[in-house]
Protein backbone atom coordinates (compact mmCIF):
# COMPACT_ATOMS: atom_id res chain seq x y z
CA UNK A 1 9.47 75.62 -21.46
CA UNK A 2 8.88 73.08 -18.63
CA UNK A 3 11.73 70.73 -17.79
CA UNK A 4 11.98 67.40 -19.60
CA UNK A 5 10.81 64.96 -16.91
CA UNK A 6 12.29 62.00 -18.82
CA UNK A 7 15.81 63.09 -17.85
CA UNK A 8 17.22 60.71 -15.24
CA UNK A 9 19.95 62.98 -13.86
CA UNK A 10 20.52 66.66 -13.41
CA UNK A 11 24.11 66.16 -14.57
CA UNK A 12 26.34 63.40 -15.85
CA UNK A 13 30.07 63.84 -15.22
CA UNK A 14 32.28 61.82 -17.57
CA UNK A 15 35.62 61.14 -15.92
CA UNK A 16 36.14 60.29 -12.26
CA UNK A 17 39.61 61.66 -11.62
CA UNK A 18 40.51 64.96 -9.92
CA UNK A 19 38.51 67.36 -12.13
CA UNK A 20 35.47 65.11 -12.47
CA UNK A 21 35.29 64.33 -8.74
CA UNK A 22 35.57 68.03 -7.91
CA UNK A 23 32.77 68.93 -10.36
CA UNK A 24 30.50 66.16 -9.07
CA UNK A 25 31.08 67.24 -5.47
CA UNK A 26 29.77 70.77 -6.13
CA UNK A 27 26.65 69.34 -7.77
CA UNK A 28 26.08 66.77 -5.04
CA UNK A 29 26.34 69.43 -2.35
CA UNK A 30 23.68 71.39 -4.25
CA UNK A 31 21.44 68.31 -3.83
CA UNK A 32 21.43 67.56 -7.53
CA UNK A 33 21.16 64.07 -9.04
CA UNK A 34 24.60 63.27 -10.42
CA UNK A 35 26.04 60.26 -12.23
CA UNK A 36 29.80 59.86 -12.67
CA UNK A 37 31.01 57.61 -15.50
CA UNK A 38 34.62 56.59 -15.04
CA UNK A 39 36.88 54.31 -17.11
CA UNK A 40 39.61 54.29 -14.46
CA UNK A 41 42.46 55.73 -16.54
CA UNK A 42 43.97 58.65 -14.62
CA UNK A 43 46.62 60.54 -16.53
CA UNK A 44 49.08 60.34 -13.60
CA UNK A 45 48.47 56.66 -12.79
CA UNK A 46 52.17 55.86 -13.39
CA UNK A 47 53.34 58.40 -10.79
CA UNK A 48 54.17 57.19 -7.29
CA UNK A 49 53.48 60.55 -5.63
CA UNK A 50 51.55 63.74 -6.36
CA UNK A 51 53.12 67.11 -5.57
CA UNK A 52 52.10 70.76 -5.53
CA UNK A 53 48.53 70.05 -4.36
CA UNK A 54 47.84 71.90 -1.11
CA UNK A 55 47.34 69.53 1.83
CA UNK A 56 48.19 66.43 -0.22
CA UNK A 57 51.82 67.05 -1.18
CA UNK A 58 53.75 63.79 -1.57
CA UNK A 59 50.71 61.53 -1.30
CA UNK A 60 50.07 58.56 -3.59
CA UNK A 61 47.74 59.77 -6.38
CA UNK A 62 45.44 56.76 -6.26
CA UNK A 63 44.90 57.27 -2.53
CA UNK A 64 43.82 60.89 -3.13
CA UNK A 65 41.30 59.77 -5.73
CA UNK A 66 40.00 56.86 -3.62
CA UNK A 67 39.38 59.07 -0.60
CA UNK A 68 37.71 61.74 -2.74
CA UNK A 69 35.45 59.13 -4.31
CA UNK A 70 34.43 57.77 -0.88
CA UNK A 71 33.59 61.28 0.26
CA UNK A 72 31.55 61.93 -2.89
CA UNK A 73 29.59 58.68 -2.64
CA UNK A 74 28.49 59.61 0.87
CA UNK A 75 26.01 61.98 -0.81
CA UNK A 76 22.76 60.11 -1.54
CA UNK A 77 22.11 61.76 -4.92
CA UNK A 78 25.35 60.43 -6.51
CA UNK A 79 25.60 57.32 -8.71
CA UNK A 80 28.94 55.86 -9.80
CA UNK A 81 29.18 53.94 -13.07
CA UNK A 82 32.40 52.12 -13.90
CA UNK A 83 33.02 51.88 -17.62
CA UNK A 84 33.57 53.81 -20.83
CA UNK A 85 31.35 56.61 -22.09
CA UNK A 86 31.28 55.55 -25.73
CA UNK A 87 29.03 58.25 -27.19
CA UNK A 88 27.32 61.51 -26.23
CA UNK A 89 24.68 63.46 -28.09
CA UNK A 90 22.08 66.19 -27.69
CA UNK A 91 18.68 64.69 -26.89
CA UNK A 92 15.68 67.01 -26.57
CA UNK A 93 16.36 69.56 -23.86
CA UNK A 94 19.25 67.55 -22.46
CA UNK A 95 21.84 64.95 -23.37
CA UNK A 96 22.11 61.21 -23.84
CA UNK A 97 25.24 59.26 -22.97
CA UNK A 98 25.78 55.69 -24.12
CA UNK A 99 28.23 53.51 -22.21
CA UNK A 100 30.42 50.82 -23.69
CA UNK A 101 28.17 48.08 -22.30
CA UNK A 102 25.06 49.59 -23.89
CA UNK A 103 23.54 51.56 -21.02
CA UNK A 104 21.94 54.91 -21.81
CA UNK A 105 21.92 57.85 -19.42
CA UNK A 106 19.91 61.04 -19.78
CA UNK A 107 20.79 64.33 -18.14
CA UNK A 108 20.08 68.05 -18.21
CA UNK A 109 23.75 69.00 -18.11
CA UNK A 110 26.97 67.25 -19.12
CA UNK A 111 30.45 67.74 -17.66
CA UNK A 112 33.42 66.42 -19.64
CA UNK A 113 36.43 65.60 -17.48
CA UNK A 114 37.97 62.88 -19.62
CA UNK A 115 41.52 64.23 -19.69
CA UNK A 116 44.22 63.65 -22.27
CA UNK A 117 46.67 60.93 -23.30
CA UNK A 118 50.41 61.62 -23.37
CA UNK A 119 52.22 60.55 -26.55
CA UNK A 120 55.83 59.93 -25.53
CA UNK A 121 58.97 60.31 -27.65
CA UNK A 122 59.85 56.94 -29.17
CA UNK A 123 63.10 56.17 -27.35
CA UNK A 124 63.78 52.76 -25.77
CA UNK A 125 63.61 52.93 -21.99
CA UNK A 126 61.56 56.12 -21.74
CA UNK A 127 58.07 54.66 -21.33
CA UNK A 128 59.20 52.35 -18.52
CA UNK A 129 60.42 55.36 -16.53
CA UNK A 130 57.47 57.63 -17.27
CA UNK A 131 55.95 59.06 -14.09
CA UNK A 132 58.94 58.01 -12.00
CA UNK A 133 62.31 59.39 -13.16
CA UNK A 134 60.89 60.85 -16.40
CA UNK A 135 58.17 63.52 -16.22
CA UNK A 136 56.80 66.57 -18.01
CA UNK A 137 56.12 69.09 -15.20
CA UNK A 138 58.93 70.71 -13.18
CA UNK A 139 56.47 71.99 -10.58
CA UNK A 140 55.10 68.47 -10.05
CA UNK A 141 58.36 66.48 -10.08
CA UNK A 142 61.40 68.77 -10.40
CA UNK A 143 62.12 69.04 -6.68
CA UNK A 144 62.31 65.25 -6.30
CA UNK A 145 64.98 65.07 -9.01
CA UNK A 146 67.43 66.65 -6.60
CA UNK A 147 69.86 69.31 -7.67
CA UNK A 148 70.83 67.55 -10.89
CA UNK A 149 72.03 66.90 -13.36
CA UNK A 150 68.47 67.01 -14.72
CA UNK A 151 68.00 66.33 -18.42
CA UNK A 152 65.62 67.93 -20.89
CA UNK A 153 64.86 65.69 -23.85
CA UNK A 154 63.81 67.91 -26.75
CA UNK A 155 60.56 66.97 -28.46
CA UNK A 156 60.17 70.30 -30.30
CA UNK A 157 61.53 73.84 -30.11
CA UNK A 158 59.15 74.31 -27.16
CA UNK A 159 61.65 72.31 -25.12
CA UNK A 160 63.65 75.56 -24.88
CA UNK A 161 61.07 76.67 -22.31
CA UNK A 162 61.77 73.57 -20.20
CA UNK A 163 65.52 74.00 -20.54
CA UNK A 164 65.43 77.64 -19.40
CA UNK A 165 63.22 76.80 -16.39
CA UNK A 166 65.00 73.73 -15.04
CA UNK A 167 68.19 75.38 -13.69
CA UNK A 168 66.08 76.62 -10.76
CA UNK A 169 65.72 72.94 -9.79
CA UNK A 170 69.28 71.84 -10.54
CA UNK A 171 72.15 71.54 -13.02
CA UNK A 172 70.52 71.09 -16.45
CA UNK A 173 71.48 69.32 -19.68
CA UNK A 174 69.48 69.84 -22.89
CA UNK A 175 69.50 66.89 -25.30
CA UNK A 176 68.50 68.31 -28.69
CA UNK A 177 68.27 64.78 -30.17
CA UNK A 178 68.14 65.94 -33.81
CA UNK A 179 64.81 67.69 -33.08
CA UNK A 180 66.06 71.27 -33.38
CA UNK A 181 69.30 73.25 -33.24
CA UNK A 182 69.32 76.33 -30.98
CA UNK A 183 70.07 79.49 -32.92
CA UNK A 184 72.50 82.12 -31.71
CA UNK A 185 70.02 83.94 -29.51
CA UNK A 186 68.73 80.69 -28.00
CA UNK A 187 72.26 79.44 -27.38
CA UNK A 188 73.10 82.66 -25.57
CA UNK A 189 69.99 82.35 -23.39
CA UNK A 190 70.90 78.76 -22.50
CA UNK A 191 74.45 79.81 -21.66
CA UNK A 192 73.20 82.58 -19.36
CA UNK A 193 71.17 79.98 -17.47
CA UNK A 194 74.12 77.59 -17.30
CA UNK A 195 72.44 74.92 -19.44
CA UNK A 196 74.76 72.42 -21.12
CA UNK A 197 73.72 71.33 -24.61
CA UNK A 198 74.21 67.78 -25.90
CA UNK A 199 73.69 67.49 -29.66
CA UNK A 200 74.32 63.76 -29.98
CA UNK A 201 71.31 61.58 -30.71
CA UNK A 202 69.88 59.67 -27.73
CA UNK A 203 69.82 55.95 -28.51
CA UNK A 204 68.25 54.63 -25.32
CA UNK A 205 67.61 55.40 -21.66
CA UNK A 206 68.84 52.98 -19.02
CA UNK A 207 69.83 52.78 -15.36
CA UNK A 208 67.97 53.27 -12.12
CA UNK A 209 67.13 56.90 -12.89
CA UNK A 210 67.77 58.08 -16.45
CA UNK A 211 71.14 57.30 -18.01
CA UNK A 212 71.20 58.78 -21.52
CA UNK A 213 73.10 56.51 -23.93
CA UNK A 214 74.26 58.63 -26.87
CA UNK A 215 75.11 57.79 -30.47
CA UNK A 216 78.84 58.47 -29.95
CA UNK A 217 79.02 55.82 -27.21
CA UNK A 218 78.98 58.15 -24.22
CA UNK A 219 76.52 57.80 -21.33
CA UNK A 220 75.29 60.86 -19.44
CA UNK A 221 73.97 59.99 -15.99
CA UNK A 222 71.05 62.05 -14.71
CA UNK A 223 69.00 62.33 -11.53
CA UNK A 224 65.88 62.75 -13.66
CA UNK A 225 64.59 63.70 -17.09
CA UNK A 226 61.93 66.12 -18.33
CA UNK A 227 60.27 65.96 -21.73
CA UNK A 228 57.25 67.62 -23.31
CA UNK A 229 54.75 65.11 -24.64
CA UNK A 230 52.24 65.56 -27.41
CA UNK A 231 48.72 65.20 -26.03
CA UNK A 232 45.47 64.00 -27.54
CA UNK A 233 42.01 63.91 -26.04
CA UNK A 234 41.34 60.64 -24.28
CA UNK A 235 37.87 60.25 -25.87
CA UNK A 236 36.09 61.58 -28.98
CA UNK A 237 33.12 62.92 -26.96
CA UNK A 238 33.91 66.64 -27.32
CA UNK A 239 34.05 66.22 -31.09
CA UNK A 240 30.82 64.21 -31.16
CA UNK A 241 29.06 67.02 -29.31
CA UNK A 242 30.51 69.72 -31.56
CA UNK A 243 32.51 71.56 -28.88
CA UNK A 244 34.90 74.19 -30.22
CA UNK A 245 38.56 73.33 -29.84
CA UNK A 246 41.71 75.42 -29.54
CA UNK A 247 45.30 74.55 -30.45
CA UNK A 248 47.62 74.42 -27.45
CA UNK A 249 51.41 74.11 -27.44
CA UNK A 250 51.24 70.31 -27.11
CA UNK A 251 47.84 69.51 -28.62
CA UNK A 252 44.21 70.55 -28.96
CA UNK A 253 42.00 71.29 -25.95
CA UNK A 254 38.33 72.22 -25.46
CA UNK A 255 37.56 75.93 -25.36
CA UNK A 256 35.52 77.08 -22.35
CA UNK A 257 34.27 80.30 -20.83
CA UNK A 258 34.72 81.54 -17.27
CA UNK A 259 32.20 79.04 -15.88
CA UNK A 260 33.85 76.22 -17.89
CA UNK A 261 30.90 76.00 -20.29
CA UNK A 262 31.87 74.98 -23.80
CA UNK A 263 30.57 76.36 -27.09
CA UNK A 264 27.70 73.86 -26.77
CA UNK A 265 25.16 75.18 -24.22
CA UNK A 266 24.76 72.81 -21.31
CA UNK A 267 28.11 71.07 -21.87
CA UNK A 268 30.94 71.94 -19.48
CA UNK A 269 34.57 70.81 -19.63
CA UNK A 270 37.32 70.84 -17.03
CA UNK A 271 40.77 69.56 -16.17
CA UNK A 272 43.50 68.72 -18.67
CA UNK A 273 40.87 68.33 -21.42
CA UNK A 274 40.05 72.02 -21.15
CA UNK A 275 43.36 73.82 -20.68
CA UNK A 276 46.70 74.06 -22.45
CA UNK A 277 48.59 72.70 -19.42
CA UNK A 278 47.55 71.07 -16.21
CA UNK A 279 48.26 69.69 -12.76
CA UNK A 280 46.27 68.06 -9.99
CA UNK A 281 45.69 71.39 -8.26
CA UNK A 282 44.51 73.10 -11.45
CA UNK A 283 42.24 70.16 -12.32
CA UNK A 284 40.52 70.32 -8.92
CA UNK A 285 39.97 74.06 -9.27
CA UNK A 286 38.67 73.64 -12.82
CA UNK A 287 36.27 70.95 -11.66
CA UNK A 288 34.89 73.08 -8.85
CA UNK A 289 34.17 75.88 -11.34
CA UNK A 290 32.56 73.49 -13.84
CA UNK A 291 30.32 71.93 -11.20
CA UNK A 292 29.21 75.29 -9.88
CA UNK A 293 28.73 76.57 -13.43
CA UNK A 294 26.58 73.59 -14.41
CA UNK A 295 24.48 73.98 -11.27
CA UNK A 296 23.89 77.70 -11.71
CA UNK A 297 23.00 77.24 -15.37
CA UNK A 298 20.09 75.06 -14.27
CA UNK A 299 18.85 77.85 -12.00
CA UNK A 300 19.35 80.94 -14.11
CA UNK A 301 18.93 79.40 -17.55
CA UNK A 302 16.33 76.66 -17.03
CA UNK A 303 15.46 74.28 -19.86
């Protein structure tokens, strides 16, 4: 079947953060017509510094994204569209994307890099410290919390995993917060790792870092706090397109194959949207694979 000449772009990438920029770069370097639609809501926008990303360790996240965008826009086949991708659907041999301000884009391939939204435990003082002295990833932020005491605020039994990891970064305190009670085997594992357990309910978080004010009137002062969030997809686009989803430990994510193609042919997904856990480094790698996968699909599986 000949290609649909009404399609305006070879690929539309939805999401202009680390994964989306990386995907678009592969396509641009293959001299493909690419449009990036970005609503400007990076998951790590509250963080002052990014860590664990080779060559960029300790840099301000927004600066990494801004430089990457400038480098991408140097390619003449790239268009940047600021705004929300409100809807996406199959249209003929390709896809149609409708933006929040009513524009319609057509493309042969679609890359979803829209990320996820963190749903924080409802404790006064936590949201204000999110991305600074409160975080979810030890590899991203644990080192900067010093050698402790570092807290783990339980959000489910999965917080055991956090609590058993954190002693490698510093003295660790697990706040069970009425979420779960470690059984005998779990208590023994925590003891072997030197983790102290606080069973009192956390009433609020205060102080310059993360002072845990407990129901019995005590305050436990910390150098930082880790907690697992629940996550939800930042947009409904994957569902609109009919992409298969999988249940991860903190929320659903889009299932993909080795080339990051979803269950819907021609739709690729990358970054935190398409894996059970994420980081800047993983998002960039995911995006590179998705961009290359989308490009090669146009060569070896033409419309």
